[in-house]
Amino acid sequence: MIPHISLPNALSPDECDRLIALIAAHHLKDAGLVGGTTAHNIRRAEIAWLDDIPEAAWVLDRMITLTAQANREAFQFDLTDFGESPQVARYTAEREGHFDWHSDIGAGPWAAKRKLTIVVQLSDPASYEGGTLEIRPDSNITQAPRSRGAATIFPSFTLHRVTPLTAGTRWSLTLWSHGPSFR
């Protein structure tokens, strides 16, 4: 199995701008909650859910198509749905934005069904420093592409993190495809 796949033009720069503008116009919430408690040592970011923004419905349609293509080419998992809302995150250097090593599969009604994680880089890579999405499928760590509009798709059980931002702001889109439990 391929540890991850990158799709360089999942969204155009104009589409990235459009999505950021939609999110920026809505209230972002603190994403530092883990297991119901604040854990800024694990994650420090602000998030918004696209299901709360009707003008962003086009994003899920695009991601479904791209994920189906990537799954056929690289993973061949049994996928059934996208039961969770896509999430846009804003990491800022001012708030020491980061997300420590974690996987996206776990307990709970949604996390237990996650099969593939899709992360799309929305920011221009020149607009921030640090904030690198790193993927650790084994003892090696790889960096996801930083090009604007690039999607990185990987199994949800894969360890990954966003390194601390040292300057600027990084925006990203994340969503998860679901399916029956791994066996």
Protein backbone atom coordinates (compact mmCIF):
# COMPACT_ATOMS: atom_id res chain seq x y z
CA MET A 1 0.00 0.00 0.00
CA ILE A 2 1.19 3.51 -0.82
CA PRO A 3 1.60 5.57 2.41
CA HIS A 4 -0.03 8.67 0.90
CA ILE A 5 -0.93 10.26 -2.42
CA SER A 6 -0.66 13.91 -3.43
CA LEU A 7 -2.91 15.62 -5.93
CA PRO A 8 -1.27 18.95 -6.88
CA ASN A 9 -4.33 20.83 -8.18
CA ALA A 10 -7.24 19.69 -6.02
CA LEU A 11 -8.37 23.33 -5.74
CA SER A 12 -7.33 26.32 -7.81
CA PRO A 13 -5.83 29.38 -6.11
CA ASP A 14 -9.11 31.25 -6.77
CA GLU A 15 -11.08 28.44 -5.11
CA CYS A 16 -8.72 28.53 -2.13
CA ASP A 17 -9.28 32.30 -1.84
CA ARG A 18 -13.06 31.82 -2.12
CA LEU A 19 -13.09 29.19 0.63
CA ILE A 20 -10.89 31.21 2.98
CA ALA A 21 -13.14 34.26 2.47
CA LEU A 22 -16.24 32.20 3.30
CA ILE A 23 -14.65 30.85 6.47
CA ALA A 24 -13.17 34.18 7.55
CA ALA A 25 -16.66 35.70 7.37
CA HIS A 26 -17.92 33.15 9.93
CA HIS A 27 -17.01 32.54 13.54
CA LEU A 28 -14.02 30.24 13.97
CA LYS A 29 -13.96 28.11 17.11
CA ASP A 30 -11.04 27.02 19.25
CA ALA A 31 -9.91 23.56 18.12
CA GLY A 32 -7.81 22.90 21.21
CA LEU A 33 -10.36 20.48 22.62
CA VAL A 34 -9.36 16.84 22.98
CA GLY A 35 -11.71 14.46 24.78
CA GLY A 36 -13.81 17.38 26.01
CA THR A 37 -10.94 19.23 27.70
CA THR A 38 -8.75 22.03 26.45
CA ALA A 39 -5.40 20.66 25.35
CA HIS A 40 -3.50 23.46 23.62
CA ASN A 41 -0.28 21.53 24.15
CA ILE A 42 -1.67 19.02 21.59
CA ARG A 43 -3.50 21.36 19.21
CA ARG A 44 -3.71 25.10 18.88
CA ALA A 45 -5.84 26.24 15.96
CA GLU A 46 -9.23 27.66 15.10
CA ILE A 47 -11.73 25.71 13.03
CA ALA A 48 -15.00 26.05 11.17
CA TRP A 49 -17.22 23.27 9.82
CA LEU A 50 -18.38 23.63 6.21
CA ASP A 51 -21.81 22.10 6.90
CA ASP A 52 -22.52 25.36 8.76
CA ILE A 53 -21.83 27.38 5.58
CA PRO A 54 -24.26 26.54 2.72
CA GLU A 55 -22.19 28.52 0.16
CA ALA A 56 -19.37 26.00 0.63
CA ALA A 57 -21.32 22.89 -0.47
CA TRP A 58 -19.30 22.69 -3.70
CA VAL A 59 -16.18 21.72 -1.71
CA LEU A 60 -17.53 18.34 -0.60
CA ASP A 61 -18.59 17.47 -4.17
CA ARG A 62 -15.06 18.14 -5.40
CA MET A 63 -13.42 16.20 -2.58
CA ILE A 64 -15.68 13.15 -3.08
CA THR A 65 -14.55 12.91 -6.70
CA LEU A 66 -10.86 13.31 -5.85
CA THR A 67 -11.00 10.85 -2.96
CA ALA A 68 -12.73 8.19 -5.08
CA GLN A 69 -10.00 8.58 -7.72
CA ALA A 70 -7.17 8.37 -5.15
CA ASN A 71 -8.78 5.40 -3.43
CA ARG A 72 -9.05 3.48 -6.73
CA GLU A 73 -5.44 4.26 -7.65
CA ALA A 74 -3.69 3.81 -4.31
CA PHE A 75 -5.65 2.38 -1.40
CA GLN A 76 -8.65 0.32 -2.54
CA PHE A 77 -10.40 0.69 0.83
CA ASP A 78 -14.08 -0.10 1.26
CA LEU A 79 -15.51 3.45 1.42
CA THR A 80 -19.17 4.15 2.07
CA ASP A 81 -19.65 7.85 2.87
CA PHE A 82 -18.41 11.21 4.10
CA GLY A 83 -20.41 11.31 7.32
CA GLU A 84 -18.58 14.25 8.89
CA SER A 85 -18.53 17.85 7.84
CA PRO A 86 -15.35 19.08 6.14
CA GLN A 87 -13.29 21.24 8.50
CA VAL A 88 -11.24 24.33 7.72
CA ALA A 89 -8.48 25.15 10.19
CA ARG A 90 -6.52 28.33 10.71
CA TYR A 91 -3.12 28.05 12.38
CA THR A 92 -1.36 31.30 13.30
CA ALA A 93 2.11 32.05 14.56
CA GLU A 94 0.59 34.60 16.93
CA ARG A 95 -1.21 31.74 18.73
CA GLU A 96 1.70 29.29 18.27
CA GLY A 97 -0.49 27.15 15.99
CA HIS A 98 0.33 23.46 15.74
CA PHE A 99 -1.15 19.95 15.98
CA ASP A 100 1.06 17.32 17.62
CA TRP A 101 1.44 13.72 16.42
CA HIS A 102 -1.92 11.94 16.17
CA SER A 103 -4.01 9.65 14.01
CA ASP A 104 -7.56 10.40 12.89
CA ILE A 105 -9.02 7.01 13.70
CA GLY A 106 -10.21 6.17 17.19
CA ALA A 107 -13.19 5.76 19.48
CA GLY A 108 -16.49 7.48 18.92
CA PRO A 109 -19.22 7.27 16.32
CA TRP A 110 -17.29 9.04 13.54
CA ALA A 111 -13.61 8.51 14.30
CA ALA A 112 -14.03 4.72 14.41
CA LYS A 113 -15.32 4.75 10.82
CA ARG A 114 -12.61 6.97 9.31
CA LYS A 115 -10.69 5.32 6.48
CA LEU A 116 -8.96 8.10 4.52
CA THR A 117 -7.91 11.58 5.64
CA ILE A 118 -7.79 14.33 3.02
CA VAL A 119 -5.88 17.56 3.75
CA VAL A 120 -5.85 20.42 1.24
CA GLN A 121 -3.34 23.26 1.52
CA LEU A 122 -5.31 26.53 1.16
CA SER A 123 -2.59 29.08 1.93
CA ASP A 124 0.17 30.38 -0.28
CA PRO A 125 3.29 28.70 1.15
CA ALA A 126 5.11 32.06 1.08
CA SER A 127 2.57 33.50 3.55
CA TYR A 128 3.78 31.49 6.56
CA GLU A 129 6.76 29.68 8.05
CA GLY A 130 6.66 26.36 9.89
CA GLY A 131 3.22 24.73 9.82
CA THR A 132 4.38 21.77 7.76
CA LEU A 133 2.07 18.76 7.50
CA GLU A 134 4.28 15.78 8.30
CA ILE A 135 3.18 12.19 7.77
CA ARG A 136 4.72 9.23 9.57
CA PRO A 137 3.45 5.97 8.05
CA ASP A 138 6.43 4.07 9.49
CA SER A 139 9.79 5.07 10.99
CA ASN A 140 10.23 7.66 8.21
CA ILE A 141 8.68 11.11 8.24
CA THR A 142 7.61 12.71 4.96
CA GLN A 143 6.44 16.24 4.33
CA ALA A 144 3.22 16.90 2.45
CA PRO A 145 3.42 19.30 -0.49
CA ARG A 146 3.01 22.95 0.51
CA SER A 147 1.80 24.13 -2.89
CA ARG A 148 -1.48 25.97 -2.78
CA GLY A 149 -4.48 23.79 -3.65
CA ALA A 150 -2.57 20.51 -3.23
CA ALA A 151 -4.39 17.62 -1.54
CA THR A 152 -2.64 14.95 0.48
CA ILE A 153 -4.60 11.75 1.07
CA PHE A 154 -3.53 9.05 3.52
CA PRO A 155 -5.04 6.27 5.65
CA SER A 156 -6.63 7.76 8.76
CA PHE A 157 -4.62 5.43 11.01
CA THR A 158 -1.38 7.11 9.85
CA LEU A 159 0.41 9.31 12.38
CA HIS A 160 0.69 12.94 11.25
CA ARG A 161 1.16 16.42 12.64
CA VAL A 162 1.33 20.12 11.78
CA THR A 163 4.62 21.59 12.99
CA PRO A 164 4.46 24.87 14.95
CA LEU A 165 4.01 28.03 12.91
CA THR A 166 6.80 30.56 13.38
CA ALA A 167 5.39 33.31 11.12
CA GLY A 168 2.13 34.09 9.32
CA THR A 169 -1.08 32.09 8.96
CA ARG A 170 -1.75 28.64 7.48
CA TRP A 171 -5.23 27.62 6.30
CA SER A 172 -6.10 24.00 5.52
CA LEU A 173 -9.15 21.94 4.64
CA THR A 174 -9.53 18.48 6.19
CA LEU A 175 -12.16 15.82 5.68
CA TRP A 176 -12.52 12.10 6.21
CA SER A 177 -14.05 9.32 4.16
CA HIS A 178 -15.75 6.53 6.09
CA GLY A 179 -16.28 2.83 5.72
CA PRO A 180 -16.62 -0.39 7.69
CA SER A 181 -14.05 -1.08 10.39
CA PHE A 182 -10.64 -2.34 9.29
CA ARG A 183 -10.14 -6.09 9.77
